[in-house]
């Protein structure tokens, strides 16, 4: 069992935060995921046809994250929130990258709804996961760079387990050790908003959509929510 917690200091600074935690056990990443393929293709067709475009930094959903990043000393135009970077890439290239079915699923949901998303292979998480301010002693190895070690600056918001940082700058980039691959079978996916009063319903729609993409390829799925009144859940 893995507990996810939002630290009291983070709740105090961002009291309207709402995080959806979508968990999947018994994932089967090596089989075809036709619904995910269709979701990606439909999104790309809508972009090409001009009927939809990714949220950019003028959108309140993205603007809120830029403001949050600046509050803990990160320049969001140099180190962008994940959904901002993903949307910019899609707008430029006209398509989303194909990584693996589970990652493709949360990428499609993230960019469609303008909400940051990420995922952790729970079999490679040590202990519980805290969303907290860094103290400067932590280490982080970025996704795709297994020989790189970074140290988040004190005051930066991170996801961290007992040993390492899982995500820097709140949701900019995930860690290499807990990356989701075709072989991952026990995964926690997150979707986030800083404004539950405005975007809470959207977040719940997105979480349901992600669960719907995962469920045909998992033994079990569930959705939990973290917020100021429920700052801890156990998966």
Protein backbone atom coordinates (compact mmCIF):
# COMPACT_ATOMS: atom_id res chain seq x y z
CA UNK A 1 0.00 0.00 0.00
CA UNK A 2 1.24 3.48 -0.91
CA UNK A 3 -0.06 6.66 0.72
CA UNK A 4 -0.09 9.96 -1.18
CA UNK A 5 -0.04 13.11 0.96
CA UNK A 6 -0.17 16.86 0.37
CA UNK A 7 1.95 18.64 2.95
CA UNK A 8 0.15 21.20 5.14
CA UNK A 9 2.40 24.01 3.85
CA UNK A 10 1.41 23.24 0.25
CA UNK A 11 -2.27 23.14 1.20
CA UNK A 12 -1.88 26.50 2.94
CA UNK A 13 -0.22 28.07 -0.10
CA UNK A 14 -2.61 26.48 -2.63
CA UNK A 15 -5.84 25.80 -0.72
CA UNK A 16 -7.99 25.11 -3.79
CA UNK A 17 -5.75 22.34 -5.11
CA UNK A 18 -7.52 19.18 -6.28
CA UNK A 19 -5.58 16.12 -7.43
CA UNK A 20 -7.15 13.06 -8.99
CA UNK A 21 -5.23 9.86 -8.32
CA UNK A 22 -6.17 7.15 -10.82
CA UNK A 23 -4.68 3.79 -9.91
CA UNK A 24 -4.43 0.68 -12.03
CA UNK A 25 -3.29 -2.80 -11.04
CA UNK A 26 -2.62 -5.70 -13.37
CA UNK A 27 -1.95 -3.40 -16.33
CA UNK A 28 -1.25 -5.18 -19.61
CA UNK A 29 0.94 -2.82 -21.59
CA UNK A 30 1.92 -5.24 -24.34
CA UNK A 31 -1.56 -5.74 -25.80
CA UNK A 32 -3.27 -3.38 -28.28
CA UNK A 33 -5.08 -0.37 -26.75
CA UNK A 34 -7.42 0.62 -29.61
CA UNK A 35 -9.40 3.20 -27.61
CA UNK A 36 -6.22 5.08 -26.76
CA UNK A 37 -5.12 5.00 -30.39
CA UNK A 38 -8.50 6.40 -31.41
CA UNK A 39 -8.39 9.12 -28.72
CA UNK A 40 -5.02 10.33 -29.98
CA UNK A 41 -6.01 10.24 -33.63
CA UNK A 42 -9.28 12.10 -33.00
CA UNK A 43 -7.46 14.82 -31.09
CA UNK A 44 -4.93 15.25 -33.89
CA UNK A 45 -7.70 15.41 -36.49
CA UNK A 46 -9.49 18.10 -34.49
CA UNK A 47 -6.27 20.10 -34.29
CA UNK A 48 -5.67 19.74 -38.03
CA UNK A 49 -9.26 20.75 -38.76
CA UNK A 50 -9.09 23.80 -36.54
CA UNK A 51 -11.95 22.74 -34.28
CA UNK A 52 -9.73 22.39 -31.21
CA UNK A 53 -6.33 23.57 -30.07
CA UNK A 54 -4.26 22.92 -26.94
CA UNK A 55 -4.50 25.36 -24.06
CA UNK A 56 -1.60 27.82 -24.04
CA UNK A 57 -0.26 30.22 -21.43
CA UNK A 58 -3.09 32.69 -22.08
CA UNK A 59 -5.58 30.07 -20.87
CA UNK A 60 -6.51 30.38 -17.16
CA UNK A 61 -5.72 26.70 -16.60
CA UNK A 62 -2.12 27.17 -17.76
CA UNK A 63 -1.74 30.69 -16.40
CA UNK A 64 -2.48 29.39 -12.90
CA UNK A 65 0.44 27.00 -13.09
CA UNK A 66 2.76 29.72 -14.38
CA UNK A 67 1.82 31.80 -11.35
CA UNK A 68 2.41 28.85 -9.02
CA UNK A 69 5.81 28.11 -10.56
CA UNK A 70 6.91 31.71 -10.09
CA UNK A 71 5.82 31.53 -6.44
CA UNK A 72 8.44 28.89 -5.72
CA UNK A 73 11.17 30.42 -7.87
CA UNK A 74 10.78 28.55 -11.17
CA UNK A 75 10.62 30.42 -14.47
CA UNK A 76 7.64 28.75 -16.24
CA UNK A 77 8.74 29.91 -19.66
CA UNK A 78 12.06 28.14 -19.28
CA UNK A 79 10.86 25.16 -17.23
CA UNK A 80 7.26 24.67 -18.30
CA UNK A 81 4.44 22.80 -16.57
CA UNK A 82 4.04 19.42 -18.27
CA UNK A 83 0.69 20.19 -19.91
CA UNK A 84 2.02 23.50 -21.25
CA UNK A 85 5.08 21.82 -22.79
CA UNK A 86 2.98 18.99 -24.22
CA UNK A 87 0.43 21.35 -25.73
CA UNK A 88 3.12 23.53 -27.30
CA UNK A 89 4.75 20.46 -28.81
CA UNK A 90 1.46 19.24 -30.23
CA UNK A 91 0.56 22.66 -31.65
CA UNK A 92 3.94 22.81 -33.40
CA UNK A 93 4.12 19.24 -34.71
CA UNK A 94 0.43 18.49 -35.14
CA UNK A 95 0.69 15.25 -33.20
CA UNK A 96 1.53 13.77 -29.83
CA UNK A 97 4.49 11.46 -29.27
CA UNK A 98 3.73 7.74 -29.01
CA UNK A 99 5.54 6.36 -25.94
CA UNK A 100 3.55 3.35 -24.74
CA UNK A 101 -0.19 2.79 -24.25
CA UNK A 102 -0.38 3.88 -20.60
CA UNK A 103 1.65 7.05 -21.15
CA UNK A 104 -0.19 7.81 -24.39
CA UNK A 105 -3.47 7.52 -22.48
CA UNK A 106 -2.64 10.11 -19.85
CA UNK A 107 -0.96 12.40 -22.40
CA UNK A 108 -4.13 12.47 -24.50
CA UNK A 109 -6.33 13.21 -21.48
CA UNK A 110 -3.92 15.85 -20.19
CA UNK A 111 -3.68 17.87 -23.38
CA UNK A 112 -7.38 17.47 -24.24
CA UNK A 113 -8.46 18.99 -20.93
CA UNK A 114 -5.55 21.35 -20.28
CA UNK A 115 -4.63 19.66 -16.99
CA UNK A 116 -1.16 18.50 -15.90
CA UNK A 117 -0.81 14.74 -15.67
CA UNK A 118 1.89 12.26 -14.76
CA UNK A 119 2.34 8.69 -13.60
CA UNK A 120 4.47 6.58 -11.29
CA UNK A 121 5.26 2.87 -11.46
CA UNK A 122 4.39 1.98 -7.88
CA UNK A 123 6.60 -1.11 -7.95
CA UNK A 124 9.56 1.31 -8.04
CA UNK A 125 8.28 3.74 -5.42
CA UNK A 126 9.86 3.42 -1.96
CA UNK A 127 7.48 4.12 0.89
CA UNK A 128 4.83 6.81 0.71
CA UNK A 129 4.65 9.81 -1.63
CA UNK A 130 4.58 13.37 -0.34
CA UNK A 131 3.77 16.53 -2.29
CA UNK A 132 5.89 19.02 -0.38
CA UNK A 133 8.46 21.76 -0.48
CA UNK A 134 12.02 20.60 -1.13
CA UNK A 135 14.62 21.29 1.55
CA UNK A 136 17.58 21.10 -0.84
CA UNK A 137 18.94 17.74 0.29
CA UNK A 138 16.93 15.64 -2.18
CA UNK A 139 18.17 14.03 -5.39
CA UNK A 140 16.40 13.67 -8.71
CA UNK A 141 17.28 11.68 -11.83
CA UNK A 142 15.27 12.98 -14.82
CA UNK A 143 13.30 10.70 -17.10
CA UNK A 144 15.55 9.50 -19.90
CA UNK A 145 18.75 10.59 -18.15
CA UNK A 146 19.68 7.71 -15.82
CA UNK A 147 23.20 9.03 -15.20
CA UNK A 148 22.10 12.57 -14.24
CA UNK A 149 21.57 13.67 -10.65
CA UNK A 150 19.92 16.99 -9.85
CA UNK A 151 19.16 18.64 -6.53
CA UNK A 152 15.90 20.58 -6.35
CA UNK A 153 16.26 24.03 -4.83
CA UNK A 154 14.88 24.61 -1.34
CA UNK A 155 11.28 25.76 -1.60
CA UNK A 156 10.56 24.03 -4.92
CA UNK A 157 7.42 21.89 -4.79
CA UNK A 158 8.15 18.22 -5.49
CA UNK A 159 6.64 14.77 -5.36
CA UNK A 160 9.00 12.61 -3.30
CA UNK A 161 9.08 9.14 -1.85
CA UNK A 162 11.30 8.05 1.04
CA UNK A 163 14.45 8.04 -1.11
CA UNK A 164 14.15 10.21 -4.21
CA UNK A 165 12.27 13.01 -5.91
CA UNK A 166 9.63 11.64 -8.27
CA UNK A 167 8.69 14.92 -9.96
CA UNK A 168 10.43 18.31 -9.98
CA UNK A 169 8.75 21.73 -10.13
CA UNK A 170 5.48 20.09 -9.02
CA UNK A 171 4.69 18.62 -12.45
CA UNK A 172 7.43 19.61 -14.88
CA UNK A 173 9.21 16.27 -15.29
CA UNK A 174 9.05 12.75 -13.86
CA UNK A 175 11.88 10.64 -12.50
CA UNK A 176 13.63 7.91 -14.45
CA UNK A 177 13.29 5.21 -11.79
CA UNK A 178 9.51 5.39 -11.54
CA UNK A 179 8.82 5.87 -15.27
CA UNK A 180 5.94 3.91 -16.76
CA UNK A 181 6.89 1.32 -19.38
CA UNK A 182 5.13 -1.47 -21.27
CA UNK A 183 6.12 -3.76 -18.37
CA UNK A 184 4.58 -1.61 -15.62
CA UNK A 185 1.67 -3.39 -13.95
CA UNK A 186 0.89 -1.25 -10.88
CA UNK A 187 0.66 2.45 -11.70
CA UNK A 188 -0.64 5.64 -10.12
CA UNK A 189 -1.67 8.39 -12.52
CA UNK A 190 -2.26 11.97 -11.36
CA UNK A 191 -4.29 14.84 -12.81
CA UNK A 192 -4.10 18.24 -11.14
CA UNK A 193 -5.77 21.63 -10.85
CA UNK A 194 -5.03 24.57 -8.57
CA UNK A 195 -8.61 25.85 -8.89
CA UNK A 196 -11.12 23.21 -7.84
CA UNK A 197 -13.79 25.89 -7.62
CA UNK A 198 -13.42 26.56 -11.34
CA UNK A 199 -12.05 23.33 -12.80
CA UNK A 200 -13.10 20.63 -10.34
CA UNK A 201 -15.80 19.23 -12.61
CA UNK A 202 -13.39 19.24 -15.55
CA UNK A 203 -10.82 17.34 -13.51
CA UNK A 204 -13.38 14.69 -12.57
CA UNK A 205 -14.42 14.31 -16.23
CA UNK A 206 -10.76 13.89 -17.17
CA UNK A 207 -10.17 11.33 -14.41
CA UNK A 208 -13.18 9.31 -15.56
CA UNK A 209 -11.93 9.49 -19.14
CA UNK A 210 -8.49 8.24 -18.13
CA UNK A 211 -9.98 5.44 -16.04
CA UNK A 212 -12.07 4.46 -19.07
CA UNK A 213 -8.95 4.13 -21.23
CA UNK A 214 -7.13 2.09 -18.58
CA UNK A 215 -9.90 -0.22 -17.38
CA UNK A 216 -10.06 -2.58 -20.41
CA UNK A 217 -6.36 -3.32 -19.91
CA UNK A 218 -6.19 -3.71 -16.13
CA UNK A 219 -7.41 -6.10 -13.47
CA UNK A 220 -8.64 -3.20 -11.35
CA UNK A 221 -8.81 0.60 -11.48
CA UNK A 222 -9.88 3.22 -8.96
CA UNK A 223 -10.07 7.00 -8.62
CA UNK A 224 -9.22 8.91 -5.43
CA UNK A 225 -9.04 12.64 -4.76
CA UNK A 226 -6.63 14.72 -2.70
CA UNK A 227 -7.57 18.19 -1.49
CA UNK A 228 -7.41 20.44 1.55
CA UNK A 229 -10.04 18.42 3.44
CA UNK A 230 -8.63 15.04 2.40
CA UNK A 231 -4.85 15.57 2.19
CA UNK A 232 -4.01 11.85 2.25
CA UNK A 233 -5.23 8.76 0.41
CA UNK A 234 -3.88 5.22 0.38
CA UNK A 235 -3.83 3.17 -2.80
